[in-house]
């Protein structure tokens, strides 16, 4: 390893350490100021806050809330459970009623100031990244330790590349952030079956009911499909509905490891031969 590469690595490590320290400091100040963050896990807020949205809860008093605001709260009798819903109304006594954006009725409770956690700022999609960070960090640390202490020489870089792809792939498999579908309600009668579904992934999807209707949904969107019930069951399928340029971007992202390997090979100039001394 050359002095230049040693110096570059030291600078990179110093930058990473400063960034990590800055993030820790920002998180401490965030919590000391009374703010909290949550990740949406149900589709009740529709497209305003799809599953995987990051919710930043700002401390606020009851007098600072108004109908139409989105708030985070703990329902009466459910300690430890946090909801993020929109304020549907405030009565003369200050009681607050709430409702999810896709729900047809108000929530079955009236909130008091003791239930309020804060006013919500919604960041769709960012919650998936927050959930992925611990998995990526854990996998990255394991990969670094393995390639640092047990694998040396020419196998180190290939193993690191393969391991990085494996860590990223396993994170995607565990979280499943891109395509998701939640069945909200099913009604069956003589004419067939009507199913209400919500998209819970980041990508737009096409949902098909076998022998029935089709719907294209964006993240958080809700739709109703109809299907003919056959032999006591029905079948729904979903797939990504990307435009042509979206598929090109997806393929290019998947080929990044290939481009990286080719680039490393071109820069190295191929295999090098050590000149043999000539006796004379």
Protein backbone atom coordinates (compact mmCIF):
# COMPACT_ATOMS: atom_id res chain seq x y z
CA UNK A 1 0.00 0.00 0.00
CA UNK A 2 1.42 3.38 -1.03
CA UNK A 3 1.68 6.48 1.19
CA UNK A 4 -0.92 8.19 -1.03
CA UNK A 5 -3.48 5.43 -0.47
CA UNK A 6 -2.73 5.44 3.27
CA UNK A 7 -3.31 9.19 3.37
CA UNK A 8 -6.54 8.91 1.36
CA UNK A 9 -7.85 6.20 3.66
CA UNK A 10 -7.03 8.28 6.75
CA UNK A 11 -8.87 11.28 5.30
CA UNK A 12 -11.89 9.11 4.42
CA UNK A 13 -12.00 7.62 7.92
CA UNK A 14 -11.74 11.08 9.47
CA UNK A 15 -14.62 12.36 7.33
CA UNK A 16 -16.77 9.34 8.26
CA UNK A 17 -15.99 9.86 11.96
CA UNK A 18 -16.95 13.55 11.74
CA UNK A 19 -20.20 12.70 9.94
CA UNK A 20 -21.07 10.04 12.52
CA UNK A 21 -20.33 12.44 15.39
CA UNK A 22 -22.47 15.11 13.72
CA UNK A 23 -25.39 12.71 13.32
CA UNK A 24 -25.17 11.61 16.95
CA UNK A 25 -25.07 15.24 18.13
CA UNK A 26 -28.04 16.16 15.92
CA UNK A 27 -30.03 13.20 17.27
CA UNK A 28 -29.28 14.17 20.88
CA UNK A 29 -30.34 17.79 20.29
CA UNK A 30 -33.45 16.55 18.43
CA UNK A 31 -34.62 14.50 21.41
CA UNK A 32 -33.62 17.08 24.02
CA UNK A 33 -35.82 19.61 22.23
CA UNK A 34 -38.79 17.29 22.70
CA UNK A 35 -39.04 16.09 19.12
CA UNK A 36 -39.64 12.42 18.32
CA UNK A 37 -39.64 10.36 15.16
CA UNK A 38 -41.76 7.38 14.10
CA UNK A 39 -42.13 5.20 11.01
CA UNK A 40 -45.61 4.61 9.58
CA UNK A 41 -46.50 0.91 9.56
CA UNK A 42 -50.19 0.94 8.43
CA UNK A 43 -51.88 2.50 5.36
CA UNK A 44 -54.55 4.50 7.26
CA UNK A 45 -53.17 7.89 6.15
CA UNK A 46 -53.25 7.02 2.47
CA UNK A 47 -51.01 8.99 0.14
CA UNK A 48 -50.35 11.66 2.77
CA UNK A 49 -48.22 9.20 4.75
CA UNK A 50 -47.82 5.82 3.01
CA UNK A 51 -46.34 2.86 4.84
CA UNK A 52 -42.64 3.59 5.33
CA UNK A 53 -43.09 7.33 5.82
CA UNK A 54 -40.99 9.09 8.43
CA UNK A 55 -43.00 11.11 10.95
CA UNK A 56 -41.28 13.95 12.81
CA UNK A 57 -43.32 14.88 15.88
CA UNK A 58 -42.94 18.49 17.05
CA UNK A 59 -43.93 19.22 20.65
CA UNK A 60 -47.09 21.35 20.75
CA UNK A 61 -49.84 22.31 23.19
CA UNK A 62 -53.50 21.48 22.60
CA UNK A 63 -54.26 25.17 21.87
CA UNK A 64 -51.77 25.05 18.99
CA UNK A 65 -53.65 22.30 17.15
CA UNK A 66 -56.46 22.89 14.66
CA UNK A 67 -58.81 20.72 12.55
CA UNK A 68 -56.93 19.45 9.52
CA UNK A 69 -53.57 19.21 11.33
CA UNK A 70 -51.84 15.84 11.43
CA UNK A 71 -50.82 14.86 14.95
CA UNK A 72 -49.15 12.01 16.78
CA UNK A 73 -50.82 10.72 19.92
CA UNK A 74 -51.31 7.82 22.30
CA UNK A 75 -54.97 6.71 22.37
CA UNK A 76 -56.71 6.51 25.76
CA UNK A 77 -56.20 3.11 27.39
CA UNK A 78 -53.43 2.10 24.96
CA UNK A 79 -50.11 3.08 26.55
CA UNK A 80 -47.13 2.55 24.29
CA UNK A 81 -49.22 2.66 21.11
CA UNK A 82 -48.62 5.67 18.84
CA UNK A 83 -50.96 6.83 16.08
CA UNK A 84 -50.50 9.49 13.42
CA UNK A 85 -53.91 10.72 12.22
CA UNK A 86 -55.54 13.92 11.05
CA UNK A 87 -57.65 16.04 13.41
CA UNK A 88 -61.30 15.74 12.37
CA UNK A 89 -62.69 18.12 14.99
CA UNK A 90 -62.25 19.81 18.36
CA UNK A 91 -65.27 20.18 20.67
CA UNK A 92 -66.04 23.03 23.06
CA UNK A 93 -64.38 21.17 25.95
CA UNK A 94 -61.15 20.77 24.00
CA UNK A 95 -61.68 17.09 23.18
CA UNK A 96 -59.99 16.11 19.91
CA UNK A 97 -61.40 13.59 17.43
CA UNK A 98 -59.16 12.11 14.76
CA UNK A 99 -59.43 10.07 11.60
CA UNK A 100 -57.11 8.35 9.14
CA UNK A 101 -57.32 9.83 5.66
CA UNK A 102 -58.63 6.61 4.07
CA UNK A 103 -61.06 5.80 6.90
CA UNK A 104 -64.75 6.55 6.49
CA UNK A 105 -65.43 7.15 10.20
CA UNK A 106 -63.69 8.93 13.06
CA UNK A 107 -61.49 7.03 15.48
CA UNK A 108 -63.41 5.60 18.50
CA UNK A 109 -61.89 7.95 21.08
CA UNK A 110 -61.74 11.54 22.20
CA UNK A 111 -58.26 12.80 22.96
CA UNK A 112 -57.24 15.06 25.83
CA UNK A 113 -54.01 17.10 26.19
CA UNK A 114 -52.45 14.13 28.05
CA UNK A 115 -52.71 12.01 24.89
CA UNK A 116 -50.94 14.49 22.61
CA UNK A 117 -47.38 13.77 21.52
CA UNK A 118 -47.00 16.49 18.90
CA UNK A 119 -47.79 17.96 15.51
CA UNK A 120 -46.59 15.70 12.70
CA UNK A 121 -44.38 16.50 9.75
CA UNK A 122 -44.68 13.74 7.16
CA UNK A 123 -41.75 12.59 5.00
CA UNK A 124 -43.00 9.83 2.64
CA UNK A 125 -40.47 7.08 1.92
CA UNK A 126 -37.77 8.21 4.35
CA UNK A 127 -38.84 5.76 7.04
CA UNK A 128 -37.60 2.86 4.91
CA UNK A 129 -34.12 4.38 4.98
CA UNK A 130 -34.27 4.81 8.75
CA UNK A 131 -35.25 1.16 9.15
CA UNK A 132 -32.51 0.04 6.74
CA UNK A 133 -29.64 1.89 8.43
CA UNK A 134 -29.21 -0.52 11.40
CA UNK A 135 -29.25 -3.56 9.10
CA UNK A 136 -26.76 -1.99 6.69
CA UNK A 137 -24.45 -0.91 9.51
CA UNK A 138 -24.51 -4.34 11.16
CA UNK A 139 -23.87 -6.11 7.86
CA UNK A 140 -21.15 -3.62 6.93
CA UNK A 141 -19.33 -4.08 10.23
CA UNK A 142 -19.42 -7.88 9.93
CA UNK A 143 -18.17 -7.67 6.35
CA UNK A 144 -15.36 -5.29 7.33
CA UNK A 145 -14.24 -7.54 10.20
CA UNK A 146 -14.24 -10.66 8.02
CA UNK A 147 -12.28 -9.04 5.18
CA UNK A 148 -9.96 -7.21 7.54
CA UNK A 149 -8.83 -10.12 9.71
CA UNK A 150 -9.56 -13.35 7.82
CA UNK A 151 -9.33 -12.55 4.11
CA UNK A 152 -6.23 -10.95 2.66
CA UNK A 153 -4.56 -10.42 -0.67
CA UNK A 154 -6.25 -10.55 -4.05
CA UNK A 155 -9.49 -12.04 -2.66
CA UNK A 156 -10.18 -9.13 -0.34
CA UNK A 157 -11.77 -6.72 -2.85
CA UNK A 158 -13.94 -9.35 -4.64
CA UNK A 159 -15.23 -10.63 -1.29
CA UNK A 160 -16.01 -7.09 -0.15
CA UNK A 161 -17.94 -6.39 -3.35
CA UNK A 162 -19.89 -9.64 -3.12
CA UNK A 163 -20.55 -9.07 0.59
CA UNK A 164 -21.78 -5.50 0.04
CA UNK A 165 -24.24 -6.72 -2.60
CA UNK A 166 -25.36 -9.53 -0.27
CA UNK A 167 -25.93 -7.13 2.66
CA UNK A 168 -27.94 -4.76 0.47
CA UNK A 169 -29.99 -7.62 -1.02
CA UNK A 170 -30.78 -9.14 2.39
CA UNK A 171 -31.87 -5.73 3.69
CA UNK A 172 -34.28 -5.37 0.77
CA UNK A 173 -35.59 -8.91 1.29
CA UNK A 174 -36.19 -8.32 5.01
CA UNK A 175 -37.86 -4.91 4.69
CA UNK A 176 -39.54 -5.34 1.27
CA UNK A 177 -39.79 -1.59 0.67
CA UNK A 178 -40.45 -1.49 -3.06
CA UNK A 179 -43.65 -3.47 -3.68
CA UNK A 180 -46.35 -4.09 -1.10
CA UNK A 181 -50.09 -4.60 -0.97
CA UNK A 182 -52.48 -4.58 1.99
CA UNK A 183 -55.99 -5.99 1.84
CA UNK A 184 -58.28 -3.57 3.69
CA UNK A 185 -61.76 -5.03 3.24
CA UNK A 186 -63.54 -7.81 1.38
CA UNK A 187 -67.24 -7.90 0.58
CA UNK A 188 -68.78 -10.93 -1.11
CA UNK A 189 -72.31 -11.29 -2.50
CA UNK A 190 -74.12 -13.01 -5.37
CA UNK A 191 -72.42 -10.81 -7.99
CA UNK A 192 -68.89 -11.60 -6.84
CA UNK A 193 -66.24 -10.19 -4.56
CA UNK A 194 -65.17 -6.58 -3.99
CA UNK A 195 -61.76 -6.09 -2.39
CA UNK A 196 -60.34 -2.79 -1.14
CA UNK A 197 -56.54 -2.72 -1.34
CA UNK A 198 -53.79 -0.21 -0.56
CA UNK A 199 -50.30 0.02 -2.02
CA UNK A 200 -47.68 -0.08 0.76
CA UNK A 201 -44.44 0.04 -1.27
CA UNK A 202 -42.38 2.79 -2.84
CA UNK A 203 -42.94 1.82 -6.47
CA UNK A 204 -46.15 2.19 -8.48
CA UNK A 205 -47.83 -1.18 -8.99
CA UNK A 206 -50.45 -2.87 -11.10
CA UNK A 207 -52.93 -5.00 -9.14
CA UNK A 208 -54.97 -7.64 -10.94
CA UNK A 209 -57.92 -9.66 -9.74
CA UNK A 210 -58.22 -13.01 -11.51
CA UNK A 211 -61.27 -12.91 -13.78
CA UNK A 212 -61.89 -9.36 -12.56
CA UNK A 213 -60.69 -5.77 -12.68
CA UNK A 214 -57.23 -4.17 -12.71
CA UNK A 215 -55.94 -1.05 -10.95
CA UNK A 216 -52.71 0.94 -11.07
CA UNK A 217 -51.72 2.32 -7.68
CA UNK A 218 -49.04 4.72 -6.48
CA UNK A 219 -47.58 4.57 -2.97
CA UNK A 220 -50.37 4.84 -0.38
CA UNK A 221 -53.18 4.86 -2.94
CA UNK A 222 -56.36 2.85 -2.28
CA UNK A 223 -58.58 1.19 -4.86
CA UNK A 224 -61.41 -1.34 -5.07
CA UNK A 225 -61.19 -4.38 -7.32
CA UNK A 226 -63.95 -6.75 -8.32
CA UNK A 227 -63.56 -10.44 -8.97
CA UNK A 228 -65.79 -13.41 -9.57
CA UNK A 229 -65.56 -15.79 -6.67
CA UNK A 230 -64.66 -19.26 -7.83
CA UNK A 231 -64.76 -22.32 -5.59
CA UNK A 232 -64.76 -20.16 -2.45
CA UNK A 233 -61.61 -18.13 -3.12
CA UNK A 234 -60.26 -15.27 -5.21
CA UNK A 235 -56.77 -14.37 -6.35
CA UNK A 236 -54.96 -10.99 -6.43
CA UNK A 237 -51.53 -10.35 -7.95
CA UNK A 238 -49.32 -7.27 -8.02
CA UNK A 239 -46.31 -6.22 -10.07
CA UNK A 240 -44.20 -3.12 -10.56
CA UNK A 241 -45.66 -0.59 -13.03
CA UNK A 242 -42.55 1.35 -14.03
CA UNK A 243 -42.24 3.40 -17.23
CA UNK A 244 -39.60 2.33 -19.73
CA UNK A 245 -37.04 4.77 -18.35
CA UNK A 246 -37.71 3.43 -14.85
CA UNK A 247 -36.77 -0.08 -15.93
CA UNK A 248 -33.59 1.28 -17.57
CA UNK A 249 -32.58 2.99 -14.33
CA UNK A 250 -33.31 -0.22 -12.39
CA UNK A 251 -31.11 -2.29 -14.71
CA UNK A 252 -28.31 0.29 -14.53
CA UNK A 253 -28.38 0.26 -10.72
CA UNK A 254 -28.21 -3.55 -10.71
CA UNK A 255 -25.19 -3.41 -13.04
CA UNK A 256 -23.19 -1.04 -10.80
CA UNK A 257 -21.08 -3.94 -9.36
CA UNK A 258 -20.24 -5.09 -12.90
CA UNK A 259 -19.18 -1.57 -13.92
CA UNK A 260 -17.10 -1.29 -10.74
CA UNK A 261 -15.25 -4.56 -11.47
CA UNK A 262 -14.62 -3.55 -15.10
CA UNK A 263 -13.37 -0.15 -14.00
CA UNK A 264 -10.96 -1.67 -11.50
CA UNK A 265 -9.68 -4.05 -14.15
CA UNK A 266 -9.14 -1.30 -16.74
CA UNK A 267 -7.33 0.93 -14.24
CA UNK A 268 -5.03 -1.91 -13.20
CA UNK A 269 -4.03 -2.46 -16.82
CA UNK A 270 -4.44 -6.23 -16.64
CA UNK A 271 -2.07 -8.76 -15.09
CA UNK A 272 1.44 -7.53 -14.45
CA UNK A 273 4.50 -9.66 -14.97
CA UNK A 274 7.58 -9.27 -12.80
CA UNK A 275 10.70 -8.93 -14.98
CA UNK A 276 13.19 -11.70 -14.48
CA UNK A 277 16.81 -10.81 -13.89
CA UNK A 278 19.07 -11.61 -16.80
CA UNK A 279 22.35 -13.24 -15.91
CA UNK A 280 25.25 -12.34 -17.98
